[in-house]
Amino acid sequence: MIKNPNDSIIMDIIEWENNLIGYAVYFTRRGSKIIRLYSVCTSWQFVGQGFTKIYLYNRLVDLAENFIKVTLEVRVSNQKAIDLYASLGFIVRNILKEYYDDGEDAYQMVIELNKLSIKF
């Protein structure tokens, strides 16, 4: 992806009061109106404090200026992440059988950015 001129990688570093909270990585293609949240990670000492939800909401608002849809994959066993994404308006679009190397299924989730919502 790094060498392909039609692909783009966006990486955000998430900070708060000079503390590194985590990061997020997105993939998209030139001219596409769809962007994929590939990875979001929060440092363990900040988990459960709402930073990731606030970051994601603000980032989705920004992404809505250039994209119509965000997709992601999440382990079916990762209920905390599923709940987080659902609270922002993501819905399960598909189940990807044996998606992960260990054989676990994934939910493919999607949000149409014109339907962005938040429930704190």
PDB file of N, CA and C in Angstrom:
ATOM      1  N   MET A   1       0.810  -1.203   0.000  1.00  0.00           N
ATOM      2  CA  MET A   1       0.000   0.000   0.000  1.00  0.00           C
ATOM      3  C   MET A   1       0.848   1.260   0.000  1.00  0.00           C
ATOM      4  N   ILE A   2       1.971   1.214   0.673  1.00  0.00           N
ATOM      5  CA  ILE A   2       2.800   2.413   0.777  1.00  0.00           C
ATOM      6  C   ILE A   2       3.294   2.858  -0.589  1.00  0.00           C
ATOM      7  N   LYS A   3       3.608   1.911  -1.478  1.00  0.00           N
ATOM      8  CA  LYS A   3       4.157   2.257  -2.788  1.00  0.00           C
ATOM      9  C   LYS A   3       3.095   2.458  -3.867  1.00  0.00           C
ATOM     10  N   ASN A   4       1.852   2.064  -3.602  1.00  0.00           N
ATOM     11  CA  ASN A   4       0.801   2.186  -4.601  1.00  0.00           C
ATOM     12  C   ASN A   4       0.254   3.618  -4.592  1.00  0.00           C
ATOM     13  N   PRO A   5       0.385   4.337  -5.705  1.00  0.00           N
ATOM     14  CA  PRO A   5      -0.072   5.731  -5.726  1.00  0.00           C
ATOM     15  C   PRO A   5      -1.595   5.875  -5.651  1.00  0.00           C
ATOM     16  N   ASN A   6      -2.327   4.782  -5.813  1.00  0.00           N
ATOM     17  CA  ASN A   6      -3.789   4.849  -5.730  1.00  0.00           C
ATOM     18  C   ASN A   6      -4.312   4.588  -4.327  1.00  0.00           C
ATOM     19  N   ASP A   7      -3.442   4.162  -3.413  1.00  0.00           N
ATOM     20  CA  ASP A   7      -3.842   3.868  -2.046  1.00  0.00           C
ATOM     21  C   ASP A   7      -3.345   4.958  -1.106  1.00  0.00           C
ATOM     22  N   SER A   8      -4.099   5.189  -0.058  1.00  0.00           N
ATOM     23  CA  SER A   8      -3.691   6.152   0.953  1.00  0.00           C
ATOM     24  C   SER A   8      -3.813   5.529   2.330  1.00  0.00           C
ATOM     25  N   ILE A   9      -2.879   5.855   3.174  1.00  0.00           N
ATOM     26  CA  ILE A   9      -2.897   5.454   4.569  1.00  0.00           C
ATOM     27  C   ILE A   9      -2.926   6.737   5.393  1.00  0.00           C
ATOM     28  N   ILE A  10      -3.869   6.798   6.319  1.00  0.00           N
ATOM     29  CA  ILE A  10      -3.938   7.920   7.243  1.00  0.00           C
ATOM     30  C   ILE A  10      -3.665   7.357   8.630  1.00  0.00           C
ATOM     31  N   MET A  11      -2.734   7.964   9.339  1.00  0.00           N
ATOM     32  CA  MET A  11      -2.447   7.520  10.701  1.00  0.00           C
ATOM     33  C   MET A  11      -2.581   8.706  11.636  1.00  0.00           C
ATOM     34  N   ASP A  12      -3.387   8.528  12.665  1.00  0.00           N
ATOM     35  CA  ASP A  12      -3.574   9.559  13.677  1.00  0.00           C
ATOM     36  C   ASP A  12      -2.904   9.110  14.971  1.00  0.00           C
ATOM     37  N   ILE A  13      -2.258  10.029  15.626  1.00  0.00           N
ATOM     38  CA  ILE A  13      -1.748   9.822  16.969  1.00  0.00           C
ATOM     39  C   ILE A  13      -2.727  10.549  17.894  1.00  0.00           C
ATOM     40  N   ILE A  14      -3.240   9.842  18.886  1.00  0.00           N
ATOM     41  CA  ILE A  14      -4.250  10.407  19.780  1.00  0.00           C
ATOM     42  C   ILE A  14      -3.551  10.846  21.064  1.00  0.00           C
ATOM     43  N   GLU A  15      -3.660  12.148  21.353  1.00  0.00           N
ATOM     44  CA  GLU A  15      -3.014  12.707  22.537  1.00  0.00           C
ATOM     45  C   GLU A  15      -4.027  13.488  23.369  1.00  0.00           C
ATOM     46  N   TRP A  16      -3.735  13.616  24.644  1.00  0.00           N
ATOM     47  CA  TRP A  16      -4.524  14.442  25.545  1.00  0.00           C
ATOM     48  C   TRP A  16      -3.591  14.953  26.630  1.00  0.00           C
ATOM     49  N   GLU A  17      -3.539  16.264  26.794  1.00  0.00           N
ATOM     50  CA  GLU A  17      -2.680  16.904  27.792  1.00  0.00           C
ATOM     51  C   GLU A  17      -1.261  16.332  27.775  1.00  0.00           C
ATOM     52  N   ASN A  18      -0.670  16.290  26.603  1.00  0.00           N
ATOM     53  CA  ASN A  18       0.699  15.802  26.388  1.00  0.00           C
ATOM     54  C   ASN A  18       0.889  14.328  26.727  1.00  0.00           C
ATOM     55  N   ASN A  19      -0.190  13.570  26.801  1.00  0.00           N
ATOM     56  CA  ASN A  19      -0.121  12.123  27.013  1.00  0.00           C
ATOM     57  C   ASN A  19      -0.494  11.411  25.730  1.00  0.00           C
ATOM     58  N   LEU A  20       0.263  10.395  25.377  1.00  0.00           N
ATOM     59  CA  LEU A  20      -0.072   9.560  24.236  1.00  0.00           C
ATOM     60  C   LEU A  20      -1.193   8.623  24.665  1.00  0.00           C
ATOM     61  N   ILE A  21      -2.353   8.777  24.054  1.00  0.00           N
ATOM     62  CA  ILE A  21      -3.535   7.974  24.380  1.00  0.00           C
ATOM     63  C   ILE A  21      -3.575   6.725  23.510  1.00  0.00           C
ATOM     64  N   GLY A  22      -3.251   6.875  22.230  1.00  0.00           N
ATOM     65  CA  GLY A  22      -3.309   5.746  21.307  1.00  0.00           C
ATOM     66  C   GLY A  22      -3.078   6.190  19.883  1.00  0.00           C
ATOM     67  N   TYR A  23      -3.572   5.370  18.968  1.00  0.00           N
ATOM     68  CA  TYR A  23      -3.415   5.677  17.548  1.00  0.00           C
ATOM     69  C   TYR A  23      -4.586   5.088  16.767  1.00  0.00           C
ATOM     70  N   ALA A  24      -4.730   5.530  15.532  1.00  0.00           N
ATOM     71  CA  ALA A  24      -5.716   4.970  14.606  1.00  0.00           C
ATOM     72  C   ALA A  24      -5.115   4.980  13.205  1.00  0.00           C
ATOM     73  N   VAL A  25      -5.460   3.955  12.421  1.00  0.00           N
ATOM     74  CA  VAL A  25      -4.973   3.834  11.042  1.00  0.00           C
ATOM     75  C   VAL A  25      -6.175   3.617  10.133  1.00  0.00           C
ATOM     76  N   TYR A  26      -6.200   4.337   9.027  1.00  0.00           N
ATOM     77  CA  TYR A  26      -7.272   4.249   8.037  1.00  0.00           C
ATOM     78  C   TYR A  26      -6.670   3.954   6.673  1.00  0.00           C
ATOM     79  N   PHE A  27      -7.407   3.214   5.854  1.00  0.00           N
ATOM     80  CA  PHE A  27      -7.009   2.945   4.467  1.00  0.00           C
ATOM     81  C   PHE A  27      -8.106   3.444   3.535  1.00  0.00           C
ATOM     82  N   THR A  28      -7.696   3.970   2.399  1.00  0.00           N
ATOM     83  CA  THR A  28      -8.641   4.351   1.358  1.00  0.00           C
ATOM     84  C   THR A  28      -7.923   4.309   0.009  1.00  0.00           C
ATOM     85  N   ARG A  29      -8.662   4.516  -1.038  1.00  0.00           N
ATOM     86  CA  ARG A  29      -8.109   4.558  -2.389  1.00  0.00           C
ATOM     87  C   ARG A  29      -8.402   5.915  -3.006  1.00  0.00           C
ATOM     88  N   ARG A  30      -7.527   6.330  -3.890  1.00  0.00           N
ATOM     89  CA  ARG A  30      -7.705   7.614  -4.569  1.00  0.00           C
ATOM     90  C   ARG A  30      -9.086   7.675  -5.233  1.00  0.00           C
ATOM     91  N   GLY A  31      -9.793   8.747  -4.981  1.00  0.00           N
ATOM     92  CA  GLY A  31     -11.099   8.963  -5.588  1.00  0.00           C
ATOM     93  C   GLY A  31     -12.240   8.236  -4.903  1.00  0.00           C
ATOM     94  N   SER A  32     -11.950   7.400  -3.908  1.00  0.00           N
ATOM     95  CA  SER A  32     -12.995   6.654  -3.218  1.00  0.00           C
ATOM     96  C   SER A  32     -13.708   7.539  -2.199  1.00  0.00           C
ATOM     97  N   LYS A  33     -14.963   7.283  -2.000  1.00  0.00           N
ATOM     98  CA  LYS A  33     -15.748   7.972  -0.971  1.00  0.00           C
ATOM     99  C   LYS A  33     -15.942   7.080   0.253  1.00  0.00           C
ATOM    100  N   ILE A  34     -15.220   5.938   0.271  1.00  0.00           N
ATOM    101  CA  ILE A  34     -15.285   4.996   1.383  1.00  0.00           C
ATOM    102  C   ILE A  34     -13.903   4.904   2.010  1.00  0.00           C
ATOM    103  N   ILE A  35     -13.851   4.904   3.322  1.00  0.00           N
ATOM    104  CA  ILE A  35     -12.591   4.772   4.041  1.00  0.00           C
ATOM    105  C   ILE A  35     -12.743   3.666   5.079  1.00  0.00           C
ATOM    106  N   ARG A  36     -11.672   2.934   5.300  1.00  0.00           N
ATOM    107  CA  ARG A  36     -11.697   1.789   6.217  1.00  0.00           C
ATOM    108  C   ARG A  36     -10.884   2.111   7.459  1.00  0.00           C
ATOM    109  N   LEU A  37     -11.511   1.968   8.615  1.00  0.00           N
ATOM    110  CA  LEU A  37     -10.781   2.050   9.875  1.00  0.00           C
ATOM    111  C   LEU A  37     -10.105   0.710  10.064  1.00  0.00           C
ATOM    112  N   TYR A  38      -8.803   0.683   9.894  1.00  0.00           N
ATOM    113  CA  TYR A  38      -8.053  -0.564   9.947  1.00  0.00           C
ATOM    114  C   TYR A  38      -7.697  -0.942  11.382  1.00  0.00           C
ATOM    115  N   SER A  39      -7.327   0.047  12.162  1.00  0.00           N
ATOM    116  CA  SER A  39      -6.901  -0.246  13.523  1.00  0.00           C
ATOM    117  C   SER A  39      -7.075   0.994  14.390  1.00  0.00           C
ATOM    118  N   VAL A  40      -7.561   0.788  15.598  1.00  0.00           N
ATOM    119  CA  VAL A  40      -7.577   1.841  16.605  1.00  0.00           C
ATOM    120  C   VAL A  40      -7.138   1.187  17.906  1.00  0.00           C
ATOM    121  N   CYS A  41      -6.228   1.838  18.590  1.00  0.00           N
ATOM    122  CA  CYS A  41      -5.658   1.261  19.805  1.00  0.00           C
ATOM    123  C   CYS A  41      -5.570   2.344  20.874  1.00  0.00           C
ATOM    124  N   THR A  42      -5.964   1.984  22.085  1.00  0.00           N
ATOM    125  CA  THR A  42      -5.877   2.890  23.221  1.00  0.00           C
ATOM    126  C   THR A  42      -4.929   2.297  24.248  1.00  0.00           C
ATOM    127  N   SER A  43      -4.024   3.113  24.737  1.00  0.00           N
ATOM    128  CA  SER A  43      -3.099   2.670  25.771  1.00  0.00           C
ATOM    129  C   SER A  43      -3.884   2.209  26.997  1.00  0.00           C
ATOM    130  N   TRP A  44      -3.449   1.112  27.606  1.00  0.00           N
ATOM    131  CA  TRP A  44      -4.217   0.460  28.670  1.00  0.00           C
ATOM    132  C   TRP A  44      -4.602   1.399  29.807  1.00  0.00           C
ATOM    133  N   GLN A  45      -3.752   2.376  30.133  1.00  0.00           N
ATOM    134  CA  GLN A  45      -4.083   3.246  31.265  1.00  0.00           C
ATOM    135  C   GLN A  45      -5.185   4.254  30.958  1.00  0.00           C
ATOM    136  N   PHE A  46      -5.601   4.349  29.682  1.00  0.00           N
ATOM    137  CA  PHE A  46      -6.663   5.271  29.306  1.00  0.00           C
ATOM    138  C   PHE A  46      -7.946   4.556  28.865  1.00  0.00           C
ATOM    139  N   VAL A  47      -7.930   3.235  28.867  1.00  0.00           N
ATOM    140  CA  VAL A  47      -9.107   2.456  28.467  1.00  0.00           C
ATOM    141  C   VAL A  47     -10.254   2.741  29.436  1.00  0.00           C
ATOM    142  N   GLY A  48     -11.456   2.875  28.884  1.00  0.00           N
ATOM    143  CA  GLY A  48     -12.648   3.048  29.705  1.00  0.00           C
ATOM    144  C   GLY A  48     -12.922   4.467  30.158  1.00  0.00           C
ATOM    145  N   GLN A  49     -12.131   5.428  29.697  1.00  0.00           N
ATOM    146  CA  GLN A  49     -12.307   6.813  30.124  1.00  0.00           C
ATOM    147  C   GLN A  49     -12.994   7.686  29.080  1.00  0.00           C
ATOM    148  N   GLY A  50     -13.366   7.104  27.958  1.00  0.00           N
ATOM    149  CA  GLY A  50     -14.096   7.844  26.936  1.00  0.00           C
ATOM    150  C   GLY A  50     -13.252   8.521  25.878  1.00  0.00           C
ATOM    151  N   PHE A  51     -11.934   8.454  25.996  1.00  0.00           N
ATOM    152  CA  PHE A  51     -11.075   9.136  25.033  1.00  0.00           C
ATOM    153  C   PHE A  51     -11.253   8.600  23.617  1.00  0.00           C
ATOM    154  N   THR A  52     -11.351   7.290  23.479  1.00  0.00           N
ATOM    155  CA  THR A  52     -11.453   6.695  22.144  1.00  0.00           C
ATOM    156  C   THR A  52     -12.769   7.090  21.490  1.00  0.00           C
ATOM    157  N   LYS A  53     -13.840   7.106  22.256  1.00  0.00           N
ATOM    158  CA  LYS A  53     -15.141   7.491  21.696  1.00  0.00           C
ATOM    159  C   LYS A  53     -15.133   8.950  21.249  1.00  0.00           C
ATOM    160  N   ILE A  54     -14.588   9.807  22.070  1.00  0.00           N
ATOM    161  CA  ILE A  54     -14.506  11.231  21.705  1.00  0.00           C
ATOM    162  C   ILE A  54     -13.639  11.407  20.458  1.00  0.00           C
ATOM    163  N   TYR A  55     -12.485  10.740  20.445  1.00  0.00           N
ATOM    164  CA  TYR A  55     -11.620  10.816  19.262  1.00  0.00           C
ATOM    165  C   TYR A  55     -12.362  10.350  18.018  1.00  0.00           C
ATOM    166  N   LEU A  56     -12.971   9.151  18.096  1.00  0.00           N
ATOM    167  CA  LEU A  56     -13.645   8.595  16.918  1.00  0.00           C
ATOM    168  C   LEU A  56     -14.772   9.498  16.440  1.00  0.00           C
ATOM    169  N   TYR A  57     -15.569  10.015  17.338  1.00  0.00           N
ATOM    170  CA  TYR A  57     -16.658  10.901  16.928  1.00  0.00           C
ATOM    171  C   TYR A  57     -16.104  12.113  16.181  1.00  0.00           C
ATOM    172  N   ASN A  58     -15.107  12.773  16.768  1.00  0.00           N
ATOM    173  CA  ASN A  58     -14.535  13.957  16.119  1.00  0.00           C
ATOM    174  C   ASN A  58     -13.887  13.606  14.782  1.00  0.00           C
ATOM    175  N   ARG A  59     -13.236  12.464  14.706  1.00  0.00           N
ATOM    176  CA  ARG A  59     -12.597  12.061  13.451  1.00  0.00           C
ATOM    177  C   ARG A  59     -13.644  11.738  12.396  1.00  0.00           C
ATOM    178  N   LEU A  60     -14.730  11.084  12.799  1.00  0.00           N
ATOM    179  CA  LEU A  60     -15.797  10.781  11.846  1.00  0.00           C
ATOM    180  C   LEU A  60     -16.423  12.057  11.308  1.00  0.00           C
ATOM    181  N   VAL A  61     -16.608  13.054  12.156  1.00  0.00           N
ATOM    182  CA  VAL A  61     -17.117  14.353  11.695  1.00  0.00           C
ATOM    183  C   VAL A  61     -16.181  14.930  10.641  1.00  0.00           C
ATOM    184  N   ASP A  62     -14.873  14.878  10.900  1.00  0.00           N
ATOM    185  CA  ASP A  62     -13.892  15.373   9.921  1.00  0.00           C
ATOM    186  C   ASP A  62     -13.930  14.560   8.625  1.00  0.00           C
ATOM    187  N   LEU A  63     -13.998  13.235   8.754  1.00  0.00           N
ATOM    188  CA  LEU A  63     -14.014  12.377   7.567  1.00  0.00           C
ATOM    189  C   LEU A  63     -15.250  12.619   6.702  1.00  0.00           C
ATOM    190  N   ALA A  64     -16.339  13.046   7.316  1.00  0.00           N
ATOM    191  CA  ALA A  64     -17.580  13.288   6.573  1.00  0.00           C
ATOM    192  C   ALA A  64     -17.430  14.386   5.528  1.00  0.00           C
ATOM    193  N   GLU A  65     -16.390  15.197   5.642  1.00  0.00           N
ATOM    194  CA  GLU A  65     -16.158  16.234   4.641  1.00  0.00           C
ATOM    195  C   GLU A  65     -15.730  15.649   3.302  1.00  0.00           C
ATOM    196  N   ASN A  66     -15.101  14.452   3.308  1.00  0.00           N
ATOM    197  CA  ASN A  66     -14.569  13.866   2.073  1.00  0.00           C
ATOM    198  C   ASN A  66     -15.070  12.457   1.778  1.00  0.00           C
ATOM    199  N   PHE A  67     -15.717  11.830   2.735  1.00  0.00           N
ATOM    200  CA  PHE A  67     -16.147  10.442   2.579  1.00  0.00           C
ATOM    201  C   PHE A  67     -17.619  10.299   2.952  1.00  0.00           C
ATOM    202  N   ILE A  68     -18.255   9.273   2.388  1.00  0.00           N
ATOM    203  CA  ILE A  68     -19.662   9.021   2.709  1.00  0.00           C
ATOM    204  C   ILE A  68     -19.842   7.836   3.644  1.00  0.00           C
ATOM    205  N   LYS A  69     -18.799   7.007   3.763  1.00  0.00           N
ATOM    206  CA  LYS A  69     -18.948   5.773   4.519  1.00  0.00           C
ATOM    207  C   LYS A  69     -17.613   5.363   5.126  1.00  0.00           C
ATOM    208  N   VAL A  70     -17.674   4.795   6.347  1.00  0.00           N
ATOM    209  CA  VAL A  70     -16.512   4.202   6.999  1.00  0.00           C
ATOM    210  C   VAL A  70     -16.840   2.744   7.276  1.00  0.00           C
ATOM    211  N   THR A  71     -15.905   1.858   6.969  1.00  0.00           N
ATOM    212  CA  THR A  71     -16.084   0.441   7.263  1.00  0.00           C
ATOM    213  C   THR A  71     -14.988   0.001   8.235  1.00  0.00           C
ATOM    214  N   LEU A  72     -15.231  -1.130   8.899  1.00  0.00           N
ATOM    215  CA  LEU A  72     -14.231  -1.711   9.790  1.00  0.00           C
ATOM    216  C   LEU A  72     -14.569  -3.174  10.008  1.00  0.00           C
ATOM    217  N   GLU A  73     -13.602  -3.911  10.525  1.00  0.00           N
ATOM    218  CA  GLU A  73     -13.814  -5.294  10.928  1.00  0.00           C
ATOM    219  C   GLU A  73     -13.468  -5.387  12.406  1.00  0.00           C
ATOM    220  N   VAL A  74     -14.239  -6.190  13.141  1.00  0.00           N
ATOM    221  CA  VAL A  74     -14.018  -6.351  14.574  1.00  0.00           C
ATOM    222  C   VAL A  74     -14.326  -7.798  14.949  1.00  0.00           C
ATOM    223  N   ARG A  75     -13.519  -8.355  15.850  1.00  0.00           N
ATOM    224  CA  ARG A  75     -13.758  -9.723  16.318  1.00  0.00           C
ATOM    225  C   ARG A  75     -15.151  -9.832  16.928  1.00  0.00           C
ATOM    226  N   VAL A  76     -15.846 -10.916  16.634  1.00  0.00           N
ATOM    227  CA  VAL A  76     -17.183 -11.102  17.199  1.00  0.00           C
ATOM    228  C   VAL A  76     -17.131 -11.219  18.722  1.00  0.00           C
ATOM    229  N   SER A  77     -15.974 -11.566  19.278  1.00  0.00           N
ATOM    230  CA  SER A  77     -15.837 -11.683  20.726  1.00  0.00           C
ATOM    231  C   SER A  77     -15.483 -10.364  21.409  1.00  0.00           C
ATOM    232  N   ASN A  78     -15.225  -9.315  20.653  1.00  0.00           N
ATOM    233  CA  ASN A  78     -14.790  -8.032  21.230  1.00  0.00           C
ATOM    234  C   ASN A  78     -16.012  -7.144  21.478  1.00  0.00           C
ATOM    235  N   GLN A  79     -16.772  -7.515  22.495  1.00  0.00           N
ATOM    236  CA  GLN A  79     -18.040  -6.821  22.754  1.00  0.00           C
ATOM    237  C   GLN A  79     -17.845  -5.353  23.114  1.00  0.00           C
ATOM    238  N   LYS A  80     -16.780  -5.016  23.828  1.00  0.00           N
ATOM    239  CA  LYS A  80     -16.545  -3.604  24.174  1.00  0.00           C
ATOM    240  C   LYS A  80     -16.380  -2.756  22.918  1.00  0.00           C
ATOM    241  N   ALA A  81     -15.600  -3.255  21.956  1.00  0.00           N
ATOM    242  CA  ALA A  81     -15.397  -2.509  20.716  1.00  0.00           C
ATOM    243  C   ALA A  81     -16.695  -2.446  19.909  1.00  0.00           C
ATOM    244  N   ILE A  82     -17.418  -3.552  19.838  1.00  0.00           N
ATOM    245  CA  ILE A  82     -18.691  -3.580  19.104  1.00  0.00           C
ATOM    246  C   ILE A  82     -19.651  -2.548  19.700  1.00  0.00           C
ATOM    247  N   ASP A  83     -19.741  -2.504  21.028  1.00  0.00           N
ATOM    248  CA  ASP A  83     -20.619  -1.536  21.699  1.00  0.00           C
ATOM    249  C   ASP A  83     -20.179  -0.099  21.419  1.00  0.00           C
ATOM    250  N   LEU A  84     -18.865   0.139  21.432  1.00  0.00           N
ATOM    251  CA  LEU A  84     -18.345   1.471  21.129  1.00  0.00           C
ATOM    252  C   LEU A  84     -18.755   1.895  19.723  1.00  0.00           C
ATOM    253  N   TYR A  85     -18.500   1.040  18.743  1.00  0.00           N
ATOM    254  CA  TYR A  85     -18.836   1.384  17.362  1.00  0.00           C
ATOM    255  C   TYR A  85     -20.343   1.572  17.191  1.00  0.00           C
ATOM    256  N   ALA A  86     -21.129   0.709  17.809  1.00  0.00           N
ATOM    257  CA  ALA A  86     -22.589   0.824  17.709  1.00  0.00           C
ATOM    258  C   ALA A  86     -23.076   2.141  18.326  1.00  0.00           C
ATOM    259  N   SER A  87     -22.435   2.575  19.410  1.00  0.00           N
ATOM    260  CA  SER A  87     -22.853   3.826  20.051  1.00  0.00           C
ATOM    261  C   SER A  87     -22.616   5.042  19.164  1.00  0.00           C
ATOM    262  N   LEU A  88     -21.747   4.894  18.181  1.00  0.00           N
ATOM    263  CA  LEU A  88     -21.480   5.973  17.230  1.00  0.00           C
ATOM    264  C   LEU A  88     -22.356   5.866  15.988  1.00  0.00           C
ATOM    265  N   GLY A  89     -23.074   4.752  15.856  1.00  0.00           N
ATOM    266  CA  GLY A  89     -23.963   4.579  14.709  1.00  0.00           C
ATOM    267  C   GLY A  89     -23.534   3.516  13.722  1.00  0.00           C
ATOM    268  N   PHE A  90     -22.428   2.829  13.969  1.00  0.00           N
ATOM    269  CA  PHE A  90     -22.024   1.728  13.098  1.00  0.00           C
ATOM    270  C   PHE A  90     -23.034   0.589  13.232  1.00  0.00           C
ATOM    271  N   ILE A  91     -23.279  -0.097  12.131  1.00  0.00           N
ATOM    272  CA  ILE A  91     -24.143  -1.279  12.144  1.00  0.00           C
ATOM    273  C   ILE A  91     -23.375  -2.459  11.533  1.00  0.00           C
ATOM    274  N   VAL A  92     -23.769  -3.662  11.950  1.00  0.00           N
ATOM    275  CA  VAL A  92     -23.162  -4.865  11.379  1.00  0.00           C
ATOM    276  C   VAL A  92     -23.735  -5.066   9.991  1.00  0.00           C
ATOM    277  N   ARG A  93     -22.848  -5.146   9.011  1.00  0.00           N
ATOM    278  CA  ARG A  93     -23.273  -5.348   7.629  1.00  0.00           C
ATOM    279  C   ARG A  93     -23.110  -6.798   7.202  1.00  0.00           C
ATOM    280  N   ASN A  94     -22.126  -7.483   7.803  1.00  0.00           N
ATOM    281  CA  ASN A  94     -21.797  -8.821   7.328  1.00  0.00           C
ATOM    282  C   ASN A  94     -21.021  -9.552   8.415  1.00  0.00           C
ATOM    283  N   ILE A  95     -21.061 -10.863   8.386  1.00  0.00           N
ATOM    284  CA  ILE A  95     -20.194 -11.685   9.219  1.00  0.00           C
ATOM    285  C   ILE A  95     -19.160 -12.308   8.300  1.00  0.00           C
ATOM    286  N   LEU A  96     -17.895 -12.102   8.633  1.00  0.00           N
ATOM    287  CA  LEU A  96     -16.801 -12.635   7.834  1.00  0.00           C
ATOM    288  C   LEU A  96     -16.285 -13.886   8.532  1.00  0.00           C
ATOM    289  N   LYS A  97     -16.602 -15.033   7.976  1.00  0.00           N
ATOM    290  CA  LYS A  97     -16.254 -16.314   8.590  1.00  0.00           C
ATOM    291  C   LYS A  97     -14.737 -16.522   8.594  1.00  0.00           C
ATOM    292  N   GLU A  98     -14.235 -16.961   9.749  1.00  0.00           N
ATOM    293  CA  GLU A  98     -12.814 -17.292   9.917  1.00  0.00           C
ATOM    294  C   GLU A  98     -11.893 -16.178   9.406  1.00  0.00           C
ATOM    295  N   TYR A  99     -12.240 -14.968   9.696  1.00  0.00           N
ATOM    296  CA  TYR A  99     -11.511 -13.794   9.191  1.00  0.00           C
ATOM    297  C   TYR A  99     -10.107 -13.679   9.780  1.00  0.00           C
ATOM    298  N   TYR A 100      -9.979 -14.007  11.052  1.00  0.00           N
ATOM    299  CA  TYR A 100      -8.694 -13.859  11.738  1.00  0.00           C
ATOM    300  C   TYR A 100      -7.873 -15.144  11.649  1.00  0.00           C
ATOM    301  N   ASP A 101      -6.556 -15.006  11.809  1.00  0.00           N
ATOM    302  CA  ASP A 101      -5.641 -16.143  11.701  1.00  0.00           C
ATOM    303  C   ASP A 101      -5.992 -17.285  12.643  1.00  0.00           C
ATOM    304  N   ASP A 102      -6.565 -16.966  13.794  1.00  0.00           N
ATOM    305  CA  ASP A 102      -6.932 -18.008  14.756  1.00  0.00           C
ATOM    306  C   ASP A 102      -8.289 -18.635  14.451  1.00  0.00           C
ATOM    307  N   GLY A 103      -8.910 -18.234  13.340  1.00  0.00           N
ATOM    308  CA  GLY A 103     -10.172 -18.821  12.914  1.00  0.00           C
ATOM    309  C   GLY A 103     -11.410 -18.100  13.403  1.00  0.00           C
ATOM    310  N   GLU A 104     -11.230 -17.060  14.221  1.00  0.00           N
ATOM    311  CA  GLU A 104     -12.401 -16.336  14.730  1.00  0.00           C
ATOM    312  C   GLU A 104     -13.059 -15.522  13.620  1.00  0.00           C
ATOM    313  N   ASP A 105     -14.390 -15.444  13.691  1.00  0.00           N
ATOM    314  CA  ASP A 105     -15.156 -14.639  12.754  1.00  0.00           C
ATOM    315  C   ASP A 105     -15.013 -13.154  13.103  1.00  0.00           C
ATOM    316  N   ALA A 106     -15.355 -12.329  12.122  1.00  0.00           N
ATOM    317  CA  ALA A 106     -15.370 -10.878  12.330  1.00  0.00           C
ATOM    318  C   ALA A 106     -16.718 -10.333  11.896  1.00  0.00           C
ATOM    319  N   TYR A 107     -17.134  -9.270  12.537  1.00  0.00           N
ATOM    320  CA  TYR A 107     -18.245  -8.473  12.030  1.00  0.00           C
ATOM    321  C   TYR A 107     -17.645  -7.400  11.145  1.00  0.00           C
ATOM    322  N   GLN A 108     -18.226  -7.225   9.978  1.00  0.00           N
ATOM    323  CA  GLN A 108     -17.903  -6.067   9.163  1.00  0.00           C
ATOM    324  C   GLN A 108     -18.956  -5.035   9.522  1.00  0.00           C
ATOM    325  N   MET A 109     -18.499  -3.894  10.027  1.00  0.00           N
ATOM    326  CA  MET A 109     -19.416  -2.844  10.443  1.00  0.00           C
ATOM    327  C   MET A 109     -19.242  -1.645   9.526  1.00  0.00           C
ATOM    328  N   VAL A 110     -20.298  -0.861   9.415  1.00  0.00           N
ATOM    329  CA  VAL A 110     -20.280   0.295   8.519  1.00  0.00           C
ATOM    330  C   VAL A 110     -21.106   1.421   9.131  1.00  0.00           C
ATOM    331  N   ILE A 111     -20.677   2.619   8.826  1.00  0.00           N
ATOM    332  CA  ILE A 111     -21.481   3.792   9.163  1.00  0.00           C
ATOM    333  C   ILE A 111     -21.535   4.686   7.935  1.00  0.00           C
ATOM    334  N   GLU A 112     -22.737   5.128   7.631  1.00  0.00           N
ATOM    335  CA  GLU A 112     -22.911   6.152   6.607  1.00  0.00           C
ATOM    336  C   GLU A 112     -22.771   7.478   7.335  1.00  0.00           C
ATOM    337  N   LEU A 113     -21.811   8.269   6.923  1.00  0.00           N
ATOM    338  CA  LEU A 113     -21.452   9.449   7.698  1.00  0.00           C
ATOM    339  C   LEU A 113     -22.539  10.499   7.755  1.00  0.00           C
ATOM    340  N   ASN A 114     -23.501  10.452   6.859  1.00  0.00           N
ATOM    341  CA  ASN A 114     -24.618  11.385   6.968  1.00  0.00           C
ATOM    342  C   ASN A 114     -25.602  10.937   8.064  1.00  0.00           C
ATOM    343  N   LYS A 115     -25.365   9.753   8.655  1.00  0.00           N
ATOM    344  CA  LYS A 115     -26.205   9.248   9.744  1.00  0.00           C
ATOM    345  C   LYS A 115     -25.431   9.180  11.056  1.00  0.00           C
ATOM    346  N   LEU A 116     -24.339   9.933  11.131  1.00  0.00           N
ATOM    347  CA  LEU A 116     -23.502   9.918  12.316  1.00  0.00           C
ATOM    348  C   LEU A 116     -24.310  10.357  13.531  1.00  0.00           C
ATOM    349  N   SER A 117     -24.211   9.555  14.585  1.00  0.00           N
ATOM    350  CA  SER A 117     -24.915   9.888  15.821  1.00  0.00           C
ATOM    351  C   SER A 117     -24.002   9.554  16.992  1.00  0.00           C
ATOM    352  N   ILE A 118     -24.366  10.050  18.146  1.00  0.00           N
ATOM    353  CA  ILE A 118     -23.560   9.753  19.323  1.00  0.00           C
ATOM    354  C   ILE A 118     -24.474   9.615  20.520  1.00  0.00           C
ATOM    355  N   LYS A 119     -24.154   8.654  21.363  1.00  0.00           N
ATOM    356  CA  LYS A 119     -24.920   8.405  22.573  1.00  0.00           C
ATOM    357  C   LYS A 119     -23.939   8.292  23.718  1.00  0.00           C
ATOM    358  N   PHE A 120     -23.770   9.374  24.486  1.00  0.00           N
ATOM    359  CA  PHE A 120     -22.860   9.346  25.631  1.00  0.00           C
ATOM    360  C   PHE A 120     -23.604   8.950  26.876  1.00  0.00           C
TER     361      PHE A 120
END
